[in-house]
C-alpha atoms as a PDB file:
ATOM      1  CA  MET A   1     105.513  61.650  67.930  1.00  0.00           C
ATOM      2  CA  ILE A   2     103.535  58.683  66.924  1.00  0.00           C
ATOM      3  CA  LYS A   3     103.040  58.174  62.829  1.00  0.00           C
ATOM      4  CA  TYR A   4      99.626  59.127  62.253  1.00  0.00           C
ATOM      5  CA  LEU A   5      97.711  60.035  59.308  1.00  0.00           C
ATOM      6  CA  GLY A   6      96.787  63.903  58.717  1.00  0.00           C
ATOM      7  CA  SER A   7      99.791  64.733  60.684  1.00  0.00           C
ATOM      8  CA  LYS A   8     100.310  68.557  60.940  1.00  0.00           C
ATOM      9  CA  ARG A   9     104.377  68.581  61.533  1.00  0.00           C
ATOM     10  CA  ARG A  10     105.057  69.680  58.278  1.00  0.00           C
ATOM     11  CA  LEU A  11     102.335  72.500  59.303  1.00  0.00           C
ATOM     12  CA  VAL A  12     103.037  73.110  63.151  1.00  0.00           C
ATOM     13  CA  PRO A  13     105.333  76.146  62.003  1.00  0.00           C
ATOM     14  CA  HIS A  14     102.701  77.950  60.090  1.00  0.00           C
ATOM     15  CA  LEU A  15      99.813  77.142  62.841  1.00  0.00           C
ATOM     16  CA  VAL A  16     101.990  78.470  65.368  1.00  0.00           C
ATOM     17  CA  ALA A  17     102.937  81.859  64.098  1.00  0.00           C
ATOM     18  CA  LEU A  18      99.860  82.261  62.623  1.00  0.00           C
ATOM     19  CA  ALA A  19      98.189  82.060  66.324  1.00  0.00           C
ATOM     20  CA  GLN A  20     101.026  84.387  67.325  1.00  0.00           C
ATOM     21  CA  ALA A  21     100.038  86.555  65.253  1.00  0.00           C
ATOM     22  CA  VAL A  22      96.943  87.192  66.600  1.00  0.00           C
ATOM     23  CA  PRO A  23      96.963  90.300  68.850  1.00  0.00           C
ATOM     24  CA  GLY A  24      96.682  89.859  72.598  1.00  0.00           C
ATOM     25  CA  ALA A  25      96.228  86.102  71.724  1.00  0.00           C
ATOM     26  CA  ARG A  26      96.764  83.783  74.516  1.00  0.00           C
ATOM     27  CA  THR A  27      94.444  81.110  75.350  1.00  0.00           C
ATOM     28  CA  ALA A  28      94.257  78.959  72.557  1.00  0.00           C
ATOM     29  CA  LEU A  29      91.858  75.558  71.820  1.00  0.00           C
ATOM     30  CA  ASP A  30      92.925  72.716  69.885  1.00  0.00           C
ATOM     31  CA  LEU A  31      89.251  71.193  68.885  1.00  0.00           C
ATOM     32  CA  PHE A  32      90.404  67.789  67.191  1.00  0.00           C
ATOM     33  CA  THR A  33      93.934  67.160  68.748  1.00  0.00           C
ATOM     34  CA  GLY A  34      94.757  63.626  67.558  1.00  0.00           C
ATOM     35  CA  THR A  35      98.409  63.419  68.421  1.00  0.00           C
ATOM     36  CA  THR A  36      98.682  66.340  70.175  1.00  0.00           C
ATOM     37  CA  ARG A  37     101.658  68.301  67.537  1.00  0.00           C
ATOM     38  CA  VAL A  38     100.027  71.384  67.128  1.00  0.00           C
ATOM     39  CA  ALA A  39      98.134  71.835  70.864  1.00  0.00           C
ATOM     40  CA  GLN A  40     102.255  71.103  71.741  1.00  0.00           C
ATOM     41  CA  GLY A  41     103.415  73.625  69.510  1.00  0.00           C
ATOM     42  CA  LEU A  42     100.995  76.077  70.891  1.00  0.00           C
ATOM     43  CA  LYS A  43     102.033  75.398  74.399  1.00  0.00           C
ATOM     44  CA  ALA A  44     105.765  75.807  73.640  1.00  0.00           C
ATOM     45  CA  ALA A  45     105.021  79.261  71.887  1.00  0.00           C
ATOM     46  CA  GLY A  46     103.639  80.462  75.411  1.00  0.00           C
ATOM     47  CA  PHE A  47      99.960  79.920  74.854  1.00  0.00           C
ATOM     48  CA  THR A  48      97.667  78.228  77.870  1.00  0.00           C
ATOM     49  CA  VAL A  49      95.963  75.540  75.462  1.00  0.00           C
ATOM     50  CA  THR A  50      92.912  73.259  75.606  1.00  0.00           C
ATOM     51  CA  ALA A  51      93.512  69.888  73.528  1.00  0.00           C
ATOM     52  CA  ASN A  52      89.857  68.322  72.927  1.00  0.00           C
ATOM     53  CA  ASP A  53      89.897  64.748  70.827  1.00  0.00           C
ATOM     54  CA  LEU A  54      87.474  61.690  71.775  1.00  0.00           C
ATOM     55  CA  ALA A  55      90.050  59.058  71.273  1.00  0.00           C
ATOM     56  CA  SER A  56      91.278  57.771  74.419  1.00  0.00           C
ATOM     57  CA  TYR A  57      94.818  57.363  73.316  1.00  0.00           C
ATOM     58  CA  SER A  58      94.931  60.883  72.471  1.00  0.00           C
ATOM     59  CA  ALA A  59      93.474  62.005  75.763  1.00  0.00           C
ATOM     60  CA  VAL A  60      96.345  60.155  77.348  1.00  0.00           C
ATOM     61  CA  ILE A  61      99.160  61.904  75.206  1.00  0.00           C
ATOM     62  CA  ALA A  62      97.376  65.241  76.186  1.00  0.00           C
ATOM     63  CA  THR A  63      97.400  64.863  79.700  1.00  0.00           C
ATOM     64  CA  ALA A  64     101.139  63.973  79.672  1.00  0.00           C
ATOM     65  CA  CYS A  65     101.947  66.630  77.193  1.00  0.00           C
ATOM     66  CA  ILE A  66      99.330  69.490  77.712  1.00  0.00           C
ATOM     67  CA  ALA A  67      97.607  69.107  81.141  1.00  0.00           C
ATOM     68  CA  THR A  68     101.284  68.578  82.697  1.00  0.00           C
ATOM     69  CA  ASP A  69     103.415  71.446  83.502  1.00  0.00           C
ATOM     70  CA  ALA A  70     107.171  70.019  83.366  1.00  0.00           C
ATOM     71  CA  ARG A  71     108.256  72.130  86.420  1.00  0.00           C
ATOM     72  CA  THR A  72     106.016  70.054  88.713  1.00  0.00           C
ATOM     73  CA  VAL A  73     107.469  66.545  87.508  1.00  0.00           C
ATOM     74  CA  ARG A  74     110.268  64.479  89.444  1.00  0.00           C
ATOM     75  CA  ARG A  75     112.184  63.378  86.991  1.00  0.00           C
ATOM     76  CA  ALA A  76     114.043  61.122  88.739  1.00  0.00           C
ATOM     77  CA  ARG A  77     110.966  59.233  90.136  1.00  0.00           C
ATOM     78  CA  LEU A  78     109.955  59.465  86.407  1.00  0.00           C
ATOM     79  CA  ASP A  79     112.853  57.684  85.191  1.00  0.00           C
ATOM     80  CA  ALA A  80     112.768  54.966  88.116  1.00  0.00           C
ATOM     81  CA  LEU A  81     109.474  53.777  87.213  1.00  0.00           C
ATOM     82  CA  ALA A  82     109.447  53.494  83.498  1.00  0.00           C
ATOM     83  CA  ALA A  83     113.214  51.290  84.769  1.00  0.00           C
ATOM     84  CA  GLU A  84     110.923  49.240  86.700  1.00  0.00           C
ATOM     85  CA  LEU A  85     108.084  48.739  83.806  1.00  0.00           C
ATOM     86  CA  GLU A  86     111.247  47.647  81.643  1.00  0.00           C
ATOM     87  CA  ALA A  87     112.865  45.523  84.076  1.00  0.00           C
ATOM     88  CA  GLN A  88     109.503  42.949  83.682  1.00  0.00           C
ATOM     89  CA  PRO A  89     110.037  40.110  81.925  1.00  0.00           C
ATOM     90  CA  GLY A  90     107.490  39.683  78.957  1.00  0.00           C
ATOM     91  CA  ALA A  91     103.998  37.920  79.419  1.00  0.00           C
ATOM     92  CA  ARG A  92     101.998  36.269  76.830  1.00  0.00           C
ATOM     93  CA  GLY A  93      98.655  38.650  77.262  1.00  0.00           C
ATOM     94  CA  TYR A  94      95.929  40.163  74.414  1.00  0.00           C
ATOM     95  CA  VAL A  95      98.287  42.094  72.751  1.00  0.00           C
ATOM     96  CA  THR A  96     100.651  39.171  72.356  1.00  0.00           C
ATOM     97  CA  ARG A  97      97.649  36.512  71.077  1.00  0.00           C
ATOM     98  CA  THR A  98      95.885  39.712  68.830  1.00  0.00           C
ATOM     99  CA  PHE A  99      98.406  41.633  67.235  1.00  0.00           C
ATOM    100  CA  CYS A 100     101.751  38.865  67.070  1.00  0.00           C
ATOM    101  CA  GLU A 101      99.996  35.691  66.433  1.00  0.00           C
ATOM    102  CA  GLU A 102      96.679  36.595  65.014  1.00  0.00           C
ATOM    103  CA  ALA A 103      98.188  39.498  63.333  1.00  0.00           C
ATOM    104  CA  ARG A 104     101.529  40.632  62.453  1.00  0.00           C
ATOM    105  CA  PHE A 105     101.928  44.068  63.778  1.00  0.00           C
ATOM    106  CA  PHE A 106     104.486  43.641  66.377  1.00  0.00           C
ATOM    107  CA  ARG A 107     107.176  40.507  66.764  1.00  0.00           C
ATOM    108  CA  PRO A 108     106.254  38.091  69.993  1.00  0.00           C
ATOM    109  CA  GLU A 109     108.682  39.217  71.916  1.00  0.00           C
ATOM    110  CA  ASN A 110     107.800  43.142  71.397  1.00  0.00           C
ATOM    111  CA  GLY A 111     104.402  41.934  72.203  1.00  0.00           C
ATOM    112  CA  MET A 112     104.943  40.031  75.590  1.00  0.00           C
ATOM    113  CA  ARG A 113     107.218  42.950  76.528  1.00  0.00           C
ATOM    114  CA  ILE A 114     104.128  45.362  75.903  1.00  0.00           C
ATOM    115  CA  ASP A 115     101.806  43.103  77.533  1.00  0.00           C
ATOM    116  CA  ALA A 116     103.649  42.865  80.745  1.00  0.00           C
ATOM    117  CA  MET A 117     104.733  46.754  80.817  1.00  0.00           C
ATOM    118  CA  ARG A 118     100.870  47.753  80.283  1.00  0.00           C
ATOM    119  CA  ALA A 119     100.094  44.989  82.886  1.00  0.00           C
ATOM    120  CA  HIS A 120     102.753  46.198  85.535  1.00  0.00           C
ATOM    121  CA  LEU A 121     101.792  50.177  84.758  1.00  0.00           C
ATOM    122  CA  ASP A 122      98.042  49.451  86.062  1.00  0.00           C
ATOM    123  CA  ARG A 123      99.763  48.097  89.532  1.00  0.00           C
ATOM    124  CA  LEU A 124     101.851  51.391  89.981  1.00  0.00           C
ATOM    125  CA  ASP A 125     101.451  53.790  92.721  1.00  0.00           C
ATOM    126  CA  ALA A 126     101.246  56.827  90.474  1.00  0.00           C
ATOM    127  CA  THR A 127      99.842  59.943  90.084  1.00  0.00           C
ATOM    128  CA  PRO A 128      97.620  60.583  86.788  1.00  0.00           C
ATOM    129  CA  ALA A 129      99.905  62.517  85.199  1.00  0.00           C
ATOM    130  CA  GLU A 130     102.752  60.097  85.855  1.00  0.00           C
ATOM    131  CA  ARG A 131     100.639  56.985  84.664  1.00  0.00           C
ATOM    132  CA  ALA A 132      99.780  59.263  81.528  1.00  0.00           C
ATOM    133  CA  ILE A 133     103.527  60.171  80.801  1.00  0.00           C
ATOM    134  CA  LEU A 134     104.593  56.302  81.815  1.00  0.00           C
ATOM    135  CA  LEU A 135     101.862  55.299  79.074  1.00  0.00           C
ATOM    136  CA  THR A 136     102.208  57.600  76.389  1.00  0.00           C
ATOM    137  CA  ALA A 137     106.349  56.580  76.768  1.00  0.00           C
ATOM    138  CA  LEU A 138     104.990  52.855  76.215  1.00  0.00           C
ATOM    139  CA  LEU A 139     102.562  54.124  73.273  1.00  0.00           C
ATOM    140  CA  LEU A 140     105.722  55.666  71.574  1.00  0.00           C
ATOM    141  CA  ALA A 141     108.096  52.617  72.067  1.00  0.00           C
ATOM    142  CA  ALA A 142     105.265  50.292  70.586  1.00  0.00           C
ATOM    143  CA  ASP A 143     105.166  53.040  67.450  1.00  0.00           C
ATOM    144  CA  ARG A 144     108.623  52.854  67.201  1.00  0.00           C
ATOM    145  CA  VAL A 145     108.683  48.891  66.526  1.00  0.00           C
ATOM    146  CA  ASP A 146     105.280  48.137  64.319  1.00  0.00           C
ATOM    147  CA  SER A 147     105.533  46.600  61.287  1.00  0.00           C
ATOM    148  CA  THR A 148     103.443  48.921  59.579  1.00  0.00           C
ATOM    149  CA  THR A 149     102.841  52.500  57.383  1.00  0.00           C
ATOM    150  CA  GLY A 150     101.322  54.509  59.774  1.00  0.00           C
ATOM    151  CA  LEU A 151      97.639  53.016  59.803  1.00  0.00           C
ATOM    152  CA  GLN A 152      96.460  49.970  61.795  1.00  0.00           C
ATOM    153  CA  MET A 153      94.068  48.855  58.987  1.00  0.00           C
ATOM    154  CA  ALA A 154      96.968  46.344  57.931  1.00  0.00           C
ATOM    155  CA  TYR A 155     100.502  45.249  58.449  1.00  0.00           C
ATOM    156  CA  LEU A 156     103.567  44.515  55.966  1.00  0.00           C
ATOM    157  CA  LYS A 157     103.820  41.610  54.390  1.00  0.00           C
ATOM    158  CA  GLN A 158     107.776  41.277  55.088  1.00  0.00           C
ATOM    159  CA  TRP A 159     108.586  42.433  58.375  1.00  0.00           C
ATOM    160  CA  SER A 160     109.761  46.349  58.551  1.00  0.00           C
ATOM    161  CA  ALA A 161     113.208  46.934  59.371  1.00  0.00           C
ATOM    162  CA  ARG A 162     112.792  48.704  62.369  1.00  0.00           C
ATOM    163  CA  SER A 163     109.921  45.767  64.225  1.00  0.00           C
ATOM    164  CA  ALA A 164     113.398  43.265  65.038  1.00  0.00           C
ATOM    165  CA  ARG A 165     114.534  46.825  67.329  1.00  0.00           C
ATOM    166  CA  PRO A 166     113.402  45.396  70.894  1.00  0.00           C
ATOM    167  CA  VAL A 167     110.792  48.152  72.717  1.00  0.00           C
ATOM    168  CA  THR A 168     112.555  50.534  74.399  1.00  0.00           C
ATOM    169  CA  LEU A 169     110.800  53.670  76.630  1.00  0.00           C
ATOM    170  CA  ARG A 170     111.775  57.016  76.570  1.00  0.00           C
ATOM    171  CA  LEU A 171     109.714  59.538  78.538  1.00  0.00           C
ATOM    172  CA  PRO A 172     107.782  61.855  75.866  1.00  0.00           C
ATOM    173  CA  PRO A 173     109.190  65.843  76.361  1.00  0.00           C
ATOM    174  CA  LEU A 174     107.286  67.315  78.409  1.00  0.00           C
ATOM    175  CA  LEU A 175     106.334  71.220  78.409  1.00  0.00           C
ATOM    176  CA  PRO A 176     106.259  74.066  81.188  1.00  0.00           C
ATOM    177  CA  GLY A 177     103.140  75.959  82.172  1.00  0.00           C
ATOM    178  CA  PRO A 178      99.300  75.132  82.312  1.00  0.00           C
ATOM    179  CA  GLY A 179      96.706  73.355  80.004  1.00  0.00           C
ATOM    180  CA  HIS A 180      93.704  71.384  79.911  1.00  0.00           C
ATOM    181  CA  VAL A 181      92.532  68.357  78.369  1.00  0.00           C
ATOM    182  CA  LEU A 182      88.826  67.670  77.166  1.00  0.00           C
ATOM    183  CA  GLN A 183      87.361  64.602  76.140  1.00  0.00           C
ATOM    184  CA  GLU A 184      84.303  65.335  73.948  1.00  0.00           C
ATOM    185  CA  ASP A 185      82.903  64.944  71.010  1.00  0.00           C
ATOM    186  CA  ALA A 186      83.779  68.717  69.585  1.00  0.00           C
ATOM    187  CA  ARG A 187      79.814  69.714  68.804  1.00  0.00           C
ATOM    188  CA  VAL A 188      79.454  68.858  72.664  1.00  0.00           C
ATOM    189  CA  CYS A 189      83.103  70.849  73.319  1.00  0.00           C
ATOM    190  CA  VAL A 190      81.931  73.806  71.326  1.00  0.00           C
ATOM    191  CA  ALA A 191      78.620  74.757  73.127  1.00  0.00           C
ATOM    192  CA  ARG A 192      80.878  74.919  76.219  1.00  0.00           C
ATOM    193  CA  ALA A 193      80.728  78.701  77.653  1.00  0.00           C
ATOM    194  CA  ASP A 194      84.846  78.510  77.850  1.00  0.00           C
ATOM    195  CA  THR A 195      86.275  80.816  75.357  1.00  0.00           C
ATOM    196  CA  TYR A 196      89.658  81.304  73.747  1.00  0.00           C
ATOM    197  CA  ASP A 197      91.953  84.020  71.786  1.00  0.00           C
ATOM    198  CA  VAL A 198      92.259  81.170  68.956  1.00  0.00           C
ATOM    199  CA  ALA A 199      90.656  77.938  67.998  1.00  0.00           C
ATOM    200  CA  TYR A 200      92.432  75.702  65.766  1.00  0.00           C
ATOM    201  CA  LEU A 201      90.076  73.236  63.884  1.00  0.00           C
ATOM    202  CA  ASP A 202      91.208  69.810  61.892  1.00  0.00           C
ATOM    203  CA  PRO A 203      88.487  67.872  61.318  1.00  0.00           C
ATOM    204  CA  PRO A 204      88.712  64.410  59.733  1.00  0.00           C
ATOM    205  CA  TYR A 205      88.934  64.995  55.856  1.00  0.00           C
ATOM    206  CA  ASN A 206      86.785  61.814  54.770  1.00  0.00           C
ATOM    207  CA  GLN A 207      85.387  58.509  55.583  1.00  0.00           C
ATOM    208  CA  HIS A 208      88.463  57.064  57.580  1.00  0.00           C
ATOM    209  CA  SER A 209      87.444  56.917  61.204  1.00  0.00           C
ATOM    210  CA  TYR A 210      90.644  57.322  63.276  1.00  0.00           C
ATOM    211  CA  HIS A 211      89.255  54.992  65.649  1.00  0.00           C
ATOM    212  CA  SER A 212      89.510  52.233  63.199  1.00  0.00           C
ATOM    213  CA  ASN A 213      93.121  53.253  62.193  1.00  0.00           C
ATOM    214  CA  TYR A 214      94.270  53.502  65.229  1.00  0.00           C
ATOM    215  CA  HIS A 215      92.908  50.448  67.371  1.00  0.00           C
ATOM    216  CA  ILE A 216      95.929  49.503  68.723  1.00  0.00           C
ATOM    217  CA  TRP A 217      96.783  52.451  70.417  1.00  0.00           C
ATOM    218  CA  GLU A 218      93.009  52.403  71.526  1.00  0.00           C
ATOM    219  CA  THR A 219      93.073  49.037  73.022  1.00  0.00           C
ATOM    220  CA  LEU A 220      96.522  49.680  74.380  1.00  0.00           C
ATOM    221  CA  VAL A 221      95.601  52.666  76.626  1.00  0.00           C
ATOM    222  CA  ARG A 222      92.119  52.024  77.481  1.00  0.00           C
ATOM    223  CA  GLY A 223      93.705  48.099  78.815  1.00  0.00           C
ATOM    224  CA  ASP A 224      91.133  46.459  78.225  1.00  0.00           C
ATOM    225  CA  ALA A 225      90.233  42.935  75.586  1.00  0.00           C
ATOM    226  CA  PRO A 226      87.841  43.213  73.208  1.00  0.00           C
ATOM    227  CA  ALA A 227      86.226  41.010  71.095  1.00  0.00           C
ATOM    228  CA  ALA A 228      87.806  41.372  67.665  1.00  0.00           C
ATOM    229  CA  TYR A 229      87.961  41.327  63.997  1.00  0.00           C
ATOM    230  CA  GLY A 230      89.509  40.646  60.909  1.00  0.00           C
ATOM    231  CA  VAL A 231      92.639  40.735  59.329  1.00  0.00           C
ATOM    232  CA  ALA A 232      93.727  43.575  60.962  1.00  0.00           C
ATOM    233  CA  ARG A 233      92.076  42.627  64.606  1.00  0.00           C
ATOM    234  CA  LYS A 234      90.363  45.638  64.565  1.00  0.00           C
ATOM    235  CA  ARG A 235      88.027  45.963  67.640  1.00  0.00           C
ATOM    236  CA  ALA A 236      84.694  44.757  68.148  1.00  0.00           C
ATOM    237  CA  ASP A 237      83.636  48.516  68.386  1.00  0.00           C
ATOM    238  CA  CYS A 238      85.272  49.489  65.153  1.00  0.00           C
ATOM    239  CA  ARG A 239      81.792  48.554  63.218  1.00  0.00           C
ATOM    240  CA  THR A 240      79.218  50.577  65.656  1.00  0.00           C
ATOM    241  CA  THR A 241      81.725  53.867  66.671  1.00  0.00           C
ATOM    242  CA  LYS A 242      81.119  56.231  63.928  1.00  0.00           C
ATOM    243  CA  SER A 243      81.709  59.638  63.907  1.00  0.00           C
ATOM    244  CA  ALA A 244      79.509  62.055  61.192  1.00  0.00           C
ATOM    245  CA  PHE A 245      82.615  63.884  60.455  1.00  0.00           C
ATOM    246  CA  ASN A 246      83.323  60.541  58.485  1.00  0.00           C
ATOM    247  CA  ILE A 247      79.812  60.429  56.619  1.00  0.00           C
ATOM    248  CA  ARG A 248      79.452  61.889  54.081  1.00  0.00           C
ATOM    249  CA  GLY A 249      75.977  62.890  54.181  1.00  0.00           C
ATOM    250  CA  ALA A 250      76.410  64.429  58.028  1.00  0.00           C
ATOM    251  CA  ALA A 251      79.777  65.791  57.468  1.00  0.00           C
ATOM    252  CA  TRP A 252      78.438  69.161  56.504  1.00  0.00           C
ATOM    253  CA  ALA A 253      76.243  69.843  59.326  1.00  0.00           C
ATOM    254  CA  ALA A 254      78.247  68.569  61.749  1.00  0.00           C
ATOM    255  CA  PHE A 255      81.292  70.724  60.614  1.00  0.00           C
ATOM    256  CA  ARG A 256      78.606  73.865  60.348  1.00  0.00           C
ATOM    257  CA  GLU A 257      77.551  72.912  63.963  1.00  0.00           C
ATOM    258  CA  VAL A 258      81.320  73.143  65.529  1.00  0.00           C
ATOM    259  CA  VAL A 259      82.492  76.459  63.025  1.00  0.00           C
ATOM    260  CA  LEU A 260      78.814  78.656  64.414  1.00  0.00           C
ATOM    261  CA  ASN A 261      79.432  77.491  68.107  1.00  0.00           C
ATOM    262  CA  VAL A 262      82.944  77.531  68.872  1.00  0.00           C
ATOM    263  CA  ARG A 263      83.481  80.290  71.230  1.00  0.00           C
ATOM    264  CA  ALA A 264      86.963  81.822  69.394  1.00  0.00           C
ATOM    265  CA  ARG A 265      87.945  85.503  68.433  1.00  0.00           C
ATOM    266  CA  HIS A 266      89.740  83.817  65.524  1.00  0.00           C
ATOM    267  CA  VAL A 267      89.861  80.457  64.007  1.00  0.00           C
ATOM    268  CA  LEU A 268      92.639  78.405  62.043  1.00  0.00           C
ATOM    269  CA  LEU A 269      91.359  75.845  60.020  1.00  0.00           C
ATOM    270  CA  SER A 270      93.560  73.143  58.316  1.00  0.00           C
ATOM    271  CA  PHE A 271      91.892  71.043  55.457  1.00  0.00           C
ATOM    272  CA  SER A 272      92.449  68.623  52.472  1.00  0.00           C
ATOM    273  CA  ASN A 273      92.116  69.143  49.052  1.00  0.00           C
ATOM    274  CA  GLU A 274      90.651  65.175  49.041  1.00  0.00           C
ATOM    275  CA  GLY A 275      88.245  65.833  51.350  1.00  0.00           C
ATOM    276  CA  PHE A 276      84.736  66.123  51.461  1.00  0.00           C
ATOM    277  CA  PHE A 277      84.514  69.800  51.044  1.00  0.00           C
ATOM    278  CA  THR A 278      85.502  72.485  48.614  1.00  0.00           C
ATOM    279  CA  GLU A 279      87.730  75.571  49.351  1.00  0.00           C
ATOM    280  CA  ALA A 280      84.706  77.704  48.713  1.00  0.00           C
ATOM    281  CA  ALA A 281      82.510  76.206  51.091  1.00  0.00           C
ATOM    282  CA  ILE A 282      84.424  76.132  53.814  1.00  0.00           C
ATOM    283  CA  ARG A 283      85.628  79.436  52.987  1.00  0.00           C
ATOM    284  CA  GLY A 284      81.676  80.419  52.937  1.00  0.00           C
ATOM    285  CA  LEU A 285      80.843  79.395  56.084  1.00  0.00           C
ATOM    286  CA  LEU A 286      83.756  81.092  57.623  1.00  0.00           C
ATOM    287  CA  ALA A 287      82.805  84.202  56.426  1.00  0.00           C
ATOM    288  CA  GLU A 288      79.397  84.010  57.295  1.00  0.00           C
ATOM    289  CA  ARG A 289      80.806  83.530  61.014  1.00  0.00           C
ATOM    290  CA  PHE A 290      83.610  85.277  61.123  1.00  0.00           C
ATOM    291  CA  GLY A 291      83.995  87.847  58.359  1.00  0.00           C
ATOM    292  CA  GLU A 292      86.873  88.092  57.267  1.00  0.00           C
ATOM    293  CA  VAL A 293      89.185  84.480  55.517  1.00  0.00           C
ATOM    294  CA  ALA A 294      92.048  84.768  54.912  1.00  0.00           C
ATOM    295  CA  VAL A 295      93.535  81.181  52.870  1.00  0.00           C
ATOM    296  CA  VAL A 296      96.888  79.915  52.450  1.00  0.00           C
ATOM    297  CA  PRO A 297      97.417  76.285  50.354  1.00  0.00           C
ATOM    298  CA  VAL A 298     100.234  74.270  51.117  1.00  0.00           C
ATOM    299  CA  ASP A 299     101.669  71.457  48.954  1.00  0.00           C
ATOM    300  CA  SER A 300     102.639  68.349  50.630  1.00  0.00           C
ATOM    301  CA  PRO A 301     103.169  64.897  50.316  1.00  0.00           C
ATOM    302  CA  ARG A 302     100.844  62.317  50.942  1.00  0.00           C
ATOM    303  CA  TYR A 303     101.220  59.435  53.360  1.00  0.00           C
ATOM    304  CA  VAL A 304     103.169  57.000  52.647  1.00  0.00           C
ATOM    305  CA  GLY A 305     100.888  54.384  52.338  1.00  0.00           C
ATOM    306  CA  ALA A 306      99.093  56.129  49.525  1.00  0.00           C
ATOM    307  CA  ARG A 307     102.131  56.682  47.894  1.00  0.00           C
ATOM    308  CA  ILE A 308     103.258  52.669  48.102  1.00  0.00           C
ATOM    309  CA  GLY A 309      99.287  51.936  46.905  1.00  0.00           C
ATOM    310  CA  ILE A 310      97.627  48.991  47.612  1.00  0.00           C
ATOM    311  CA  HIS A 311      97.996  45.930  47.682  1.00  0.00           C
ATOM    312  CA  ASN A 312      96.057  42.171  47.978  1.00  0.00           C
ATOM    313  CA  ARG A 313      96.593  39.237  50.167  1.00  0.00           C
ATOM    314  CA  ARG A 314      98.971  37.775  48.452  1.00  0.00           C
ATOM    315  CA  GLY A 315     101.149  41.262  47.921  1.00  0.00           C
ATOM    316  CA  GLU A 316     100.501  42.143  44.774  1.00  0.00           C
ATOM    317  CA  ARG A 317      99.890  45.451  43.767  1.00  0.00           C
ATOM    318  CA  VAL A 318      96.570  46.029  42.821  1.00  0.00           C
ATOM    319  CA  GLY A 319      95.940  49.276  40.275  1.00  0.00           C
ATOM    320  CA  GLN A 320      97.987  52.493  40.090  1.00  0.00           C
ATOM    321  CA  VAL A 321      98.825  55.550  42.630  1.00  0.00           C
ATOM    322  CA  SER A 322      96.882  58.324  41.234  1.00  0.00           C
ATOM    323  CA  HIS A 323      98.877  60.949  42.953  1.00  0.00           C
ATOM    324  CA  VAL A 324     101.647  61.184  45.479  1.00  0.00           C
ATOM    325  CA  ARG A 325     100.890  65.208  46.304  1.00  0.00           C
ATOM    326  CA  ASN A 326      98.286  66.683  48.159  1.00  0.00           C
ATOM    327  CA  THR A 327      97.379  70.477  49.172  1.00  0.00           C
ATOM    328  CA  GLU A 328      96.656  71.636  52.418  1.00  0.00           C
ATOM    329  CA  TRP A 329      94.401  74.712  52.916  1.00  0.00           C
ATOM    330  CA  ILE A 330      95.194  76.624  55.853  1.00  0.00           C
ATOM    331  CA  PHE A 331      91.955  78.879  56.488  1.00  0.00           C
ATOM    332  CA  VAL A 332      92.414  81.946  59.151  1.00  0.00           C
ATOM    333  CA  ALA A 333      89.443  83.718  60.053  1.00  0.00           C
ATOM    334  CA  GLY A 334      88.795  87.033  62.122  1.00  0.00           C
ATOM    335  CA  PRO A 335      89.902  90.193  62.237  1.00  0.00           C
ATOM    336  CA  ASP A 336      92.187  90.716  60.381  1.00  0.00           C
ATOM    337  CA  ALA A 337      92.773  87.734  58.766  1.00  0.00           C
ATOM    338  CA  SER A 338      95.006  88.623  55.593  1.00  0.00           C
ATOM    339  CA  ALA A 339      97.263  90.980  57.672  1.00  0.00           C
ATOM    340  CA  ILE A 340      97.690  88.268  60.065  1.00  0.00           C
ATOM    341  CA  ALA A 341      98.601  85.300  57.606  1.00  0.00           C
ATOM    342  CA  GLU A 342     100.702  87.786  55.872  1.00  0.00           C
ATOM    343  CA  THR A 343     102.325  88.365  58.740  1.00  0.00           C
ATOM    344  CA  ALA A 344     102.784  84.708  60.076  1.00  0.00           C
ATOM    345  CA  PHE A 345     103.958  83.271  56.659  1.00  0.00           C
ATOM    346  CA  GLU A 346     106.832  86.346  56.061  1.00  0.00           C
ATOM    347  CA  ALA A 347     108.107  85.387  59.947  1.00  0.00           C
ATOM    348  CA  VAL A 348     107.911  81.420  58.797  1.00  0.00           C
ATOM    349  CA  ALA A 349     109.924  82.372  55.528  1.00  0.00           C
ATOM    350  CA  GLN A 350     112.795  84.160  57.735  1.00  0.00           C
ATOM    351  CA  ALA A 351     112.423  81.522  60.320  1.00  0.00           C
ATOM    352  CA  VAL A 352     112.976  78.606  57.687  1.00  0.00           C
ATOM    353  CA  PRO A 353     116.284  78.686  55.500  1.00  0.00           C
ATOM    354  CA  ALA A 354     115.656  78.531  51.616  1.00  0.00           C
END
C-alpha cells in the first residue's frame, strides 16, 4: 500500500480479530477507508466489505482491491495490458511539468513515464475493473519512486534513494469474493438503508486534510490538469475542499452524526490521542448509542515526517520534535463488547510471537 498518514498497518490484526470475534458477523463497512488497508484485511478474513471514502484515489483502490473478485480476473490479459503501458516512451506532460520541474516530487525521467502511462491508460480497451487495477498499479509505482516522507505537503531537500529507481508496474494483490465501493461523505453514507454486522470508523483526527496531503494521487487518478499553487503545487481546489471532520468547531457534530446514525450491530473505532476528541468523550458517545464499550490502547510510532521534524525552505531544522510515539485507542461498541475485545486480543497475542 502507499505511504499514508494514519495508516492502520499495525492495527489491522487487532481490528480483524475484533470483527471475527463478533458473533455471526459476515458483513462490514469501512466508512473512511483511505488506502483500504483495513478493508482488505476484513475481505481476506471472509467478510463482505463495503469500502467508502470521498477521495478519488481511494475509490479506485477500493474498486481494484475490494469490489473486484480475483476469481473473475484474467491475469494474463492484465499482465499484457500492464506491459503495454510500461512500453510507452516517456512524454512530458502535467506530472512532469508540475511535480518534477515546478516542484521536485519525482525525477523528470520518472515523471515523463508516469505521464505517458497515465495518458495511454485512458486509451486502453479495458473493463472498469481492469482500469482500476492498472491505475492502482500506477499509483503504487509512483509512490515507490517519490521523494517525500509520505505526505505531499512538501518534498525532501535532497533526492530520496528510491527516487532514482525506474517506475515499474506491479499489479496489486487481488482477493477472492464480493465487495462494494461507495464514494460519499460519511454522513451521507450512514443515512443509507444498508445495514452491517460490523462498521469500522476511522475519522480524520485533526485539521490535516487528506485531500491536500495526497493531492498528487487525486490528480493522477482523475487524470485532470488543475491549476496549482504553492511550493507543493497543490490542486487549486485544495483551497476550497474542506471536510467538517478537519475543522475543530465542526468535527464533533459531524462525528456525532455518524455514530448515532451508522446502521451496524457493532462498531469498531480507532482514534489517536493527538486528535480533537478525548477518550472519555468518544466512550460516552459510543455508550449513548450502543451501550457497552471497551477500549484498548495501542502504542505506535508517529509518522516519519513528525519524527524528522520541521525544516525551513533552506533545509534548516526549526524547533524540536516534542514526541516520537502516540497512542491509538481502539473502541469496541455493542453487545458483549468487553468479551469481544478480550477474545480478539488473546487471538492476536497467540498469533504474534513474543
